[in-house]
Amino acid sequence: MTNPNETFKRAANSPAGRQAAETAKAVGEDVTDFADDLSRKASKQFARAQDMAGDVYDSAHAAVRRDPMTALAIALGIGFLFGVVVSTRR
């Protein structure tokens, strides 16, 4: 009579067990490659988003410097609309 440990060892050393292990290793490598590629792409997109946010900030800052009263009026209008939206949800 064999115990479960011996049965497991025999199954793991069988051709099917070795093939399953090789397949699992290949899938693991594919997943690692995919994750690395995804990480690189996400980093690139994040850097682009940071650059765009900086450009938008610079443009907004220049617009406020050029015409501060218009910027103040826009800010007040947005604040009023936000207040209306928030107060009607209650």
PDB file of N, CA and C in Angstrom:
ATOM      1  N   MET A   1       0.846  -1.171   0.000  1.00  0.00           N
ATOM      2  CA  MET A   1       0.000   0.000   0.000  1.00  0.00           C
ATOM      3  C   MET A   1       0.900   1.245   0.000  1.00  0.00           C
ATOM      4  N   THR A   2       0.552   2.204  -0.841  1.00  0.00           N
ATOM      5  CA  THR A   2       1.367   3.415  -0.932  1.00  0.00           C
ATOM      6  C   THR A   2       0.669   4.544  -0.188  1.00  0.00           C
ATOM      7  N   ASN A   3       1.492   5.404   0.341  1.00  0.00           N
ATOM      8  CA  ASN A   3       0.908   6.557   1.037  1.00  0.00           C
ATOM      9  C   ASN A   3       0.744   7.721   0.050  1.00  0.00           C
ATOM     10  N   PRO A   4      -0.013   8.726   0.414  1.00  0.00           N
ATOM     11  CA  PRO A   4      -0.267   9.841  -0.507  1.00  0.00           C
ATOM     12  C   PRO A   4       1.001  10.572  -0.942  1.00  0.00           C
ATOM     13  N   ASN A   5       1.989  10.634  -0.075  1.00  0.00           N
ATOM     14  CA  ASN A   5       3.231  11.321  -0.405  1.00  0.00           C
ATOM     15  C   ASN A   5       3.955  10.611  -1.540  1.00  0.00           C
ATOM     16  N   GLU A   6       4.029   9.293  -1.481  1.00  0.00           N
ATOM     17  CA  GLU A   6       4.693   8.533  -2.543  1.00  0.00           C
ATOM     18  C   GLU A   6       3.922   8.648  -3.856  1.00  0.00           C
ATOM     19  N   THR A   7       2.610   8.628  -3.763  1.00  0.00           N
ATOM     20  CA  THR A   7       1.785   8.773  -4.961  1.00  0.00           C
ATOM     21  C   THR A   7       2.016  10.133  -5.601  1.00  0.00           C
ATOM     22  N   PHE A   8       2.095  11.167  -4.798  1.00  0.00           N
ATOM     23  CA  PHE A   8       2.345  12.510  -5.309  1.00  0.00           C
ATOM     24  C   PHE A   8       3.710  12.583  -5.986  1.00  0.00           C
ATOM     25  N   LYS A   9       4.737  11.997  -5.375  1.00  0.00           N
ATOM     26  CA  LYS A   9       6.078  12.010  -5.963  1.00  0.00           C
ATOM     27  C   LYS A   9       6.095  11.306  -7.304  1.00  0.00           C
ATOM     28  N   ARG A  10       5.415  10.159  -7.382  1.00  0.00           N
ATOM     29  CA  ARG A  10       5.370   9.420  -8.648  1.00  0.00           C
ATOM     30  C   ARG A  10       4.641  10.220  -9.723  1.00  0.00           C
ATOM     31  N   ALA A  11       3.552  10.871  -9.337  1.00  0.00           N
ATOM     32  CA  ALA A  11       2.791  11.666 -10.305  1.00  0.00           C
ATOM     33  C   ALA A  11       3.604  12.867 -10.776  1.00  0.00           C
ATOM     34  N   ALA A  12       4.321  13.490  -9.870  1.00  0.00           N
ATOM     35  CA  ALA A  12       5.124  14.661 -10.231  1.00  0.00           C
ATOM     36  C   ALA A  12       6.275  14.282 -11.150  1.00  0.00           C
ATOM     37  N   ASN A  13       6.806  13.092 -11.016  1.00  0.00           N
ATOM     38  CA  ASN A  13       7.932  12.649 -11.843  1.00  0.00           C
ATOM     39  C   ASN A  13       7.481  11.965 -13.122  1.00  0.00           C
ATOM     40  N   SER A  14       6.202  11.821 -13.324  1.00  0.00           N
ATOM     41  CA  SER A  14       5.702  11.183 -14.542  1.00  0.00           C
ATOM     42  C   SER A  14       5.852  12.144 -15.712  1.00  0.00           C
ATOM     43  N   PRO A  15       5.796  11.620 -16.945  1.00  0.00           N
ATOM     44  CA  PRO A  15       5.886  12.510 -18.110  1.00  0.00           C
ATOM     45  C   PRO A  15       4.793  13.587 -18.108  1.00  0.00           C
ATOM     46  N   ALA A  16       3.581  13.234 -17.713  1.00  0.00           N
ATOM     47  CA  ALA A  16       2.502  14.216 -17.675  1.00  0.00           C
ATOM     48  C   ALA A  16       2.786  15.275 -16.617  1.00  0.00           C
ATOM     49  N   GLY A  17       3.340  14.871 -15.479  1.00  0.00           N
ATOM     50  CA  GLY A  17       3.673  15.820 -14.424  1.00  0.00           C
ATOM     51  C   GLY A  17       4.760  16.781 -14.858  1.00  0.00           C
ATOM     52  N   ARG A  18       5.787  16.245 -15.546  1.00  0.00           N
ATOM     53  CA  ARG A  18       6.866  17.111 -16.035  1.00  0.00           C
ATOM     54  C   ARG A  18       6.347  18.079 -17.095  1.00  0.00           C
ATOM     55  N   GLN A  19       5.462  17.580 -17.965  1.00  0.00           N
ATOM     56  CA  GLN A  19       4.895  18.446 -18.990  1.00  0.00           C
ATOM     57  C   GLN A  19       4.040  19.547 -18.359  1.00  0.00           C
ATOM     58  N   ALA A  20       3.274  19.184 -17.346  1.00  0.00           N
ATOM     59  CA  ALA A  20       2.459  20.189 -16.650  1.00  0.00           C
ATOM     60  C   ALA A  20       3.351  21.243 -16.001  1.00  0.00           C
ATOM     61  N   ALA A  21       4.458  20.815 -15.417  1.00  0.00           N
ATOM     62  CA  ALA A  21       5.376  21.763 -14.782  1.00  0.00           C
ATOM     63  C   ALA A  21       6.001  22.693 -15.825  1.00  0.00           C
ATOM     64  N   GLU A  22       6.382  22.140 -16.979  1.00  0.00           N
ATOM     65  CA  GLU A  22       6.958  22.969 -18.044  1.00  0.00           C
ATOM     66  C   GLU A  22       5.930  23.964 -18.574  1.00  0.00           C
ATOM     67  N   THR A  23       4.688  23.502 -18.724  1.00  0.00           N
ATOM     68  CA  THR A  23       3.629  24.390 -19.198  1.00  0.00           C
ATOM     69  C   THR A  23       3.375  25.512 -18.196  1.00  0.00           C
ATOM     70  N   ALA A  24       3.332  25.155 -16.927  1.00  0.00           N
ATOM     71  CA  ALA A  24       3.125  26.164 -15.886  1.00  0.00           C
ATOM     72  C   ALA A  24       4.270  27.174 -15.883  1.00  0.00           C
ATOM     73  N   LYS A  25       5.486  26.716 -16.078  1.00  0.00           N
ATOM     74  CA  LYS A  25       6.642  27.615 -16.116  1.00  0.00           C
ATOM     75  C   LYS A  25       6.550  28.552 -17.320  1.00  0.00           C
ATOM     76  N   ALA A  26       6.159  28.012 -18.472  1.00  0.00           N
ATOM     77  CA  ALA A  26       6.025  28.835 -19.678  1.00  0.00           C
ATOM     78  C   ALA A  26       4.925  29.882 -19.506  1.00  0.00           C
ATOM     79  N   VAL A  27       3.824  29.483 -18.919  1.00  0.00           N
ATOM     80  CA  VAL A  27       2.729  30.433 -18.678  1.00  0.00           C
ATOM     81  C   VAL A  27       3.198  31.512 -17.705  1.00  0.00           C
ATOM     82  N   GLY A  28       3.928  31.122 -16.675  1.00  0.00           N
ATOM     83  CA  GLY A  28       4.456  32.098 -15.721  1.00  0.00           C
ATOM     84  C   GLY A  28       5.383  33.097 -16.390  1.00  0.00           C
ATOM     85  N   GLU A  29       6.230  32.626 -17.298  1.00  0.00           N
ATOM     86  CA  GLU A  29       7.129  33.527 -18.014  1.00  0.00           C
ATOM     87  C   GLU A  29       6.342  34.475 -18.921  1.00  0.00           C
ATOM     88  N   ASP A  30       5.298  33.946 -19.581  1.00  0.00           N
ATOM     89  CA  ASP A  30       4.462  34.794 -20.437  1.00  0.00           C
ATOM     90  C   ASP A  30       3.763  35.873 -19.618  1.00  0.00           C
ATOM     91  N   VAL A  31       3.261  35.501 -18.467  1.00  0.00           N
ATOM     92  CA  VAL A  31       2.586  36.465 -17.605  1.00  0.00           C
ATOM     93  C   VAL A  31       3.579  37.524 -17.120  1.00  0.00           C
ATOM     94  N   THR A  32       4.770  37.110 -16.778  1.00  0.00           N
ATOM     95  CA  THR A  32       5.808  38.061 -16.342  1.00  0.00           C
ATOM     96  C   THR A  32       6.143  39.036 -17.460  1.00  0.00           C
ATOM     97  N   ASP A  33       6.313  38.518 -18.685  1.00  0.00           N
ATOM     98  CA  ASP A  33       6.603  39.389 -19.831  1.00  0.00           C
ATOM     99  C   ASP A  33       5.463  40.381 -20.067  1.00  0.00           C
ATOM    100  N   PHE A  34       4.227  39.881 -19.977  1.00  0.00           N
ATOM    101  CA  PHE A  34       3.063  40.751 -20.171  1.00  0.00           C
ATOM    102  C   PHE A  34       3.023  41.842 -19.103  1.00  0.00           C
ATOM    103  N   ALA A  35       3.275  41.467 -17.859  1.00  0.00           N
ATOM    104  CA  ALA A  35       3.248  42.440 -16.763  1.00  0.00           C
ATOM    105  C   ALA A  35       4.351  43.485 -16.940  1.00  0.00           C
ATOM    106  N   ASP A  36       5.533  43.050 -17.367  1.00  0.00           N
ATOM    107  CA  ASP A  36       6.619  43.999 -17.600  1.00  0.00           C
ATOM    108  C   ASP A  36       6.264  44.979 -18.712  1.00  0.00           C
ATOM    109  N   ASP A  37       5.684  44.461 -19.801  1.00  0.00           N
ATOM    110  CA  ASP A  37       5.285  45.304 -20.921  1.00  0.00           C
ATOM    111  C   ASP A  37       4.205  46.291 -20.497  1.00  0.00           C
ATOM    112  N   LEU A  38       3.238  45.804 -19.752  1.00  0.00           N
ATOM    113  CA  LEU A  38       2.167  46.668 -19.257  1.00  0.00           C
ATOM    114  C   LEU A  38       2.715  47.755 -18.338  1.00  0.00           C
ATOM    115  N   SER A  39       3.670  47.399 -17.497  1.00  0.00           N
ATOM    116  CA  SER A  39       4.274  48.367 -16.584  1.00  0.00           C
ATOM    117  C   SER A  39       5.021  49.456 -17.352  1.00  0.00           C
ATOM    118  N   ARG A  40       5.753  49.062 -18.380  1.00  0.00           N
ATOM    119  CA  ARG A  40       6.474  50.047 -19.197  1.00  0.00           C
ATOM    120  C   ARG A  40       5.499  51.003 -19.876  1.00  0.00           C
ATOM    121  N   LYS A  41       4.417  50.439 -20.439  1.00  0.00           N
ATOM    122  CA  LYS A  41       3.440  51.289 -21.121  1.00  0.00           C
ATOM    123  C   LYS A  41       2.741  52.221 -20.139  1.00  0.00           C
ATOM    124  N   ALA A  42       2.408  51.718 -18.959  1.00  0.00           N
ATOM    125  CA  ALA A  42       1.751  52.555 -17.954  1.00  0.00           C
ATOM    126  C   ALA A  42       2.675  53.675 -17.499  1.00  0.00           C
ATOM    127  N   SER A  43       3.942  53.376 -17.339  1.00  0.00           N
ATOM    128  CA  SER A  43       4.899  54.417 -16.933  1.00  0.00           C
ATOM    129  C   SER A  43       5.009  55.496 -18.001  1.00  0.00           C
ATOM    130  N   LYS A  44       5.030  55.081 -19.256  1.00  0.00           N
ATOM    131  CA  LYS A  44       5.116  56.039 -20.354  1.00  0.00           C
ATOM    132  C   LYS A  44       3.870  56.927 -20.386  1.00  0.00           C
ATOM    133  N   GLN A  45       2.693  56.330 -20.223  1.00  0.00           N
ATOM    134  CA  GLN A  45       1.464  57.114 -20.230  1.00  0.00           C
ATOM    135  C   GLN A  45       1.392  58.058 -19.026  1.00  0.00           C
ATOM    136  N   PHE A  46       1.865  57.602 -17.878  1.00  0.00           N
ATOM    137  CA  PHE A  46       1.885  58.451 -16.690  1.00  0.00           C
ATOM    138  C   PHE A  46       2.780  59.660 -16.910  1.00  0.00           C
ATOM    139  N   ALA A  47       3.934  59.438 -17.523  1.00  0.00           N
ATOM    140  CA  ALA A  47       4.850  60.551 -17.802  1.00  0.00           C
ATOM    141  C   ALA A  47       4.202  61.536 -18.770  1.00  0.00           C
ATOM    142  N   ARG A  48       3.500  61.016 -19.778  1.00  0.00           N
ATOM    143  CA  ARG A  48       2.810  61.894 -20.718  1.00  0.00           C
ATOM    144  C   ARG A  48       1.729  62.703 -20.009  1.00  0.00           C
ATOM    145  N   ALA A  49       0.987  62.057 -19.112  1.00  0.00           N
ATOM    146  CA  ALA A  49      -0.066  62.753 -18.373  1.00  0.00           C
ATOM    147  C   ALA A  49       0.525  63.841 -17.489  1.00  0.00           C
ATOM    148  N   GLN A  50       1.664  63.563 -16.866  1.00  0.00           N
ATOM    149  CA  GLN A  50       2.315  64.583 -16.040  1.00  0.00           C
ATOM    150  C   GLN A  50       2.735  65.776 -16.891  1.00  0.00           C
ATOM    151  N   ASP A  51       3.292  65.507 -18.067  1.00  0.00           N
ATOM    152  CA  ASP A  51       3.701  66.592 -18.959  1.00  0.00           C
ATOM    153  C   ASP A  51       2.497  67.431 -19.388  1.00  0.00           C
ATOM    154  N   MET A  52       1.394  66.747 -19.732  1.00  0.00           N
ATOM    155  CA  MET A  52       0.191  67.468 -20.159  1.00  0.00           C
ATOM    156  C   MET A  52      -0.382  68.291 -19.011  1.00  0.00           C
ATOM    157  N   ALA A  53      -0.373  67.753 -17.802  1.00  0.00           N
ATOM    158  CA  ALA A  53      -0.883  68.497 -16.645  1.00  0.00           C
ATOM    159  C   ALA A  53      -0.031  69.741 -16.400  1.00  0.00           C
ATOM    160  N   GLY A  54       1.263  69.609 -16.550  1.00  0.00           N
ATOM    161  CA  GLY A  54       2.145  70.771 -16.403  1.00  0.00           C
ATOM    162  C   GLY A  54       1.863  71.827 -17.452  1.00  0.00           C
ATOM    163  N   ASP A  55       1.621  71.395 -18.695  1.00  0.00           N
ATOM    164  CA  ASP A  55       1.314  72.340 -19.765  1.00  0.00           C
ATOM    165  C   ASP A  55      -0.016  73.061 -19.502  1.00  0.00           C
ATOM    166  N   VAL A  56      -1.018  72.304 -19.043  1.00  0.00           N
ATOM    167  CA  VAL A  56      -2.321  72.906 -18.744  1.00  0.00           C
ATOM    168  C   VAL A  56      -2.185  73.907 -17.601  1.00  0.00           C
ATOM    169  N   TYR A  57      -1.412  73.543 -16.588  1.00  0.00           N
ATOM    170  CA  TYR A  57      -1.199  74.462 -15.469  1.00  0.00           C
ATOM    171  C   TYR A  57      -0.535  75.747 -15.954  1.00  0.00           C
ATOM    172  N   ASP A  58       0.484  75.610 -16.769  1.00  0.00           N
ATOM    173  CA  ASP A  58       1.178  76.798 -17.285  1.00  0.00           C
ATOM    174  C   ASP A  58       0.236  77.675 -18.104  1.00  0.00           C
ATOM    175  N   SER A  59      -0.601  77.048 -18.930  1.00  0.00           N
ATOM    176  CA  SER A  59      -1.554  77.814 -19.748  1.00  0.00           C
ATOM    177  C   SER A  59      -2.568  78.529 -18.865  1.00  0.00           C
ATOM    178  N   ALA A  60      -3.087  77.826 -17.868  1.00  0.00           N
ATOM    179  CA  ALA A  60      -4.062  78.439 -16.968  1.00  0.00           C
ATOM    180  C   ALA A  60      -3.429  79.582 -16.185  1.00  0.00           C
ATOM    181  N   HIS A  61      -2.213  79.383 -15.733  1.00  0.00           N
ATOM    182  CA  HIS A  61      -1.519  80.425 -14.985  1.00  0.00           C
ATOM    183  C   HIS A  61      -1.311  81.659 -15.858  1.00  0.00           C
ATOM    184  N   ALA A  62      -0.930  81.460 -17.094  1.00  0.00           N
ATOM    185  CA  ALA A  62      -0.731  82.593 -18.003  1.00  0.00           C
ATOM    186  C   ALA A  62      -2.049  83.307 -18.280  1.00  0.00           C
ATOM    187  N   ALA A  63      -3.142  82.549 -18.419  1.00  0.00           N
ATOM    188  CA  ALA A  63      -4.448  83.165 -18.683  1.00  0.00           C
ATOM    189  C   ALA A  63      -4.904  83.994 -17.492  1.00  0.00           C
ATOM    190  N   VAL A  64      -4.678  83.498 -16.283  1.00  0.00           N
ATOM    191  CA  VAL A  64      -5.060  84.247 -15.086  1.00  0.00           C
ATOM    192  C   VAL A  64      -4.224  85.510 -14.974  1.00  0.00           C
ATOM    193  N   ARG A  65      -2.960  85.424 -15.313  1.00  0.00           N
ATOM    194  CA  ARG A  65      -2.090  86.621 -15.270  1.00  0.00           C
ATOM    195  C   ARG A  65      -2.541  87.672 -16.283  1.00  0.00           C
ATOM    196  N   ARG A  66      -2.985  87.199 -17.471  1.00  0.00           N
ATOM    197  CA  ARG A  66      -3.419  88.128 -18.512  1.00  0.00           C
ATOM    198  C   ARG A  66      -4.722  88.827 -18.147  1.00  0.00           C
ATOM    199  N   ASP A  67      -5.684  88.063 -17.604  1.00  0.00           N
ATOM    200  CA  ASP A  67      -7.013  88.625 -17.355  1.00  0.00           C
ATOM    201  C   ASP A  67      -7.565  88.071 -16.041  1.00  0.00           C
ATOM    202  N   PRO A  68      -7.145  88.633 -14.907  1.00  0.00           N
ATOM    203  CA  PRO A  68      -7.556  88.085 -13.614  1.00  0.00           C
ATOM    204  C   PRO A  68      -9.048  88.217 -13.322  1.00  0.00           C
ATOM    205  N   MET A  69      -9.710  89.258 -13.831  1.00  0.00           N
ATOM    206  CA  MET A  69     -11.143  89.421 -13.556  1.00  0.00           C
ATOM    207  C   MET A  69     -11.968  88.338 -14.248  1.00  0.00           C
ATOM    208  N   THR A  70     -11.626  88.008 -15.459  1.00  0.00           N
ATOM    209  CA  THR A  70     -12.335  86.935 -16.165  1.00  0.00           C
ATOM    210  C   THR A  70     -12.122  85.612 -15.441  1.00  0.00           C
ATOM    211  N   ALA A  71     -10.909  85.355 -14.996  1.00  0.00           N
ATOM    212  CA  ALA A  71     -10.625  84.120 -14.263  1.00  0.00           C
ATOM    213  C   ALA A  71     -11.431  84.055 -12.972  1.00  0.00           C
ATOM    214  N   LEU A  72     -11.549  85.182 -12.287  1.00  0.00           N
ATOM    215  CA  LEU A  72     -12.337  85.234 -11.054  1.00  0.00           C
ATOM    216  C   LEU A  72     -13.815  84.996 -11.340  1.00  0.00           C
ATOM    217  N   ALA A  73     -14.326  85.580 -12.411  1.00  0.00           N
ATOM    218  CA  ALA A  73     -15.734  85.383 -12.782  1.00  0.00           C
ATOM    219  C   ALA A  73     -16.003  83.921 -13.134  1.00  0.00           C
ATOM    220  N   ILE A  74     -15.105  83.300 -13.844  1.00  0.00           N
ATOM    221  CA  ILE A  74     -15.261  81.879 -14.197  1.00  0.00           C
ATOM    222  C   ILE A  74     -15.239  81.026 -12.936  1.00  0.00           C
ATOM    223  N   ALA A  75     -14.314  81.320 -12.026  1.00  0.00           N
ATOM    224  CA  ALA A  75     -14.231  80.554 -10.780  1.00  0.00           C
ATOM    225  C   ALA A  75     -15.501  80.700  -9.955  1.00  0.00           C
ATOM    226  N   LEU A  76     -16.044  81.922  -9.875  1.00  0.00           N
ATOM    227  CA  LEU A  76     -17.296  82.140  -9.146  1.00  0.00           C
ATOM    228  C   LEU A  76     -18.458  81.384  -9.800  1.00  0.00           C
ATOM    229  N   GLY A  77     -18.519  81.400 -11.119  1.00  0.00           N
ATOM    230  CA  GLY A  77     -19.578  80.676 -11.831  1.00  0.00           C
ATOM    231  C   GLY A  77     -19.506  79.182 -11.600  1.00  0.00           C
ATOM    232  N   ILE A  78     -18.312  78.635 -11.658  1.00  0.00           N
ATOM    233  CA  ILE A  78     -18.140  77.199 -11.413  1.00  0.00           C
ATOM    234  C   ILE A  78     -18.505  76.872  -9.971  1.00  0.00           C
ATOM    235  N   GLY A  79     -18.104  77.708  -9.037  1.00  0.00           N
ATOM    236  CA  GLY A  79     -18.450  77.488  -7.633  1.00  0.00           C
ATOM    237  C   GLY A  79     -19.951  77.535  -7.408  1.00  0.00           C
ATOM    238  N   PHE A  80     -20.636  78.494  -8.064  1.00  0.00           N
ATOM    239  CA  PHE A  80     -22.087  78.584  -7.947  1.00  0.00           C
ATOM    240  C   PHE A  80     -22.759  77.330  -8.497  1.00  0.00           C
ATOM    241  N   LEU A  81     -22.349  76.893  -9.685  1.00  0.00           N
ATOM    242  CA  LEU A  81     -22.929  75.685 -10.279  1.00  0.00           C
ATOM    243  C   LEU A  81     -22.674  74.457  -9.410  1.00  0.00           C
ATOM    244  N   PHE A  82     -21.481  74.352  -8.872  1.00  0.00           N
ATOM    245  CA  PHE A  82     -21.172  73.232  -7.980  1.00  0.00           C
ATOM    246  C   PHE A  82     -22.063  73.267  -6.746  1.00  0.00           C
ATOM    247  N   GLY A  83     -22.277  74.449  -6.195  1.00  0.00           N
ATOM    248  CA  GLY A  83     -23.158  74.595  -5.035  1.00  0.00           C
ATOM    249  C   GLY A  83     -24.590  74.200  -5.347  1.00  0.00           C
ATOM    250  N   VAL A  84     -25.082  74.560  -6.520  1.00  0.00           N
ATOM    251  CA  VAL A  84     -26.437  74.202  -6.926  1.00  0.00           C
ATOM    252  C   VAL A  84     -26.557  72.683  -7.059  1.00  0.00           C
ATOM    253  N   VAL A  85     -25.593  72.069  -7.687  1.00  0.00           N
ATOM    254  CA  VAL A  85     -25.626  70.613  -7.882  1.00  0.00           C
ATOM    255  C   VAL A  85     -25.576  69.890  -6.532  1.00  0.00           C
ATOM    256  N   VAL A  86     -24.729  70.317  -5.646  1.00  0.00           N
ATOM    257  CA  VAL A  86     -24.579  69.671  -4.349  1.00  0.00           C
ATOM    258  C   VAL A  86     -25.820  69.876  -3.491  1.00  0.00           C
ATOM    259  N   SER A  87     -26.394  71.072  -3.527  1.00  0.00           N
ATOM    260  CA  SER A  87     -27.548  71.336  -2.679  1.00  0.00           C
ATOM    261  C   SER A  87     -28.810  70.649  -3.168  1.00  0.00           C
ATOM    262  N   THR A  88     -28.944  70.367  -4.467  1.00  0.00           N
ATOM    263  CA  THR A  88     -30.146  69.688  -4.969  1.00  0.00           C
ATOM    264  C   THR A  88     -30.112  68.187  -4.747  1.00  0.00           C
ATOM    265  N   ARG A  89     -29.001  67.626  -4.415  1.00  0.00           N
ATOM    266  CA  ARG A  89     -28.896  66.179  -4.182  1.00  0.00           C
ATOM    267  C   ARG A  89     -29.393  65.769  -2.811  1.00  0.00           C
ATOM    268  N   ARG A  90     -29.582  66.678  -1.931  1.00  0.00           N
ATOM    269  CA  ARG A  90     -29.996  66.343  -0.562  1.00  0.00           C
ATOM    270  C   ARG A  90     -31.423  66.029  -0.472  1.00  0.00           C
TER     271      ARG A  90
END
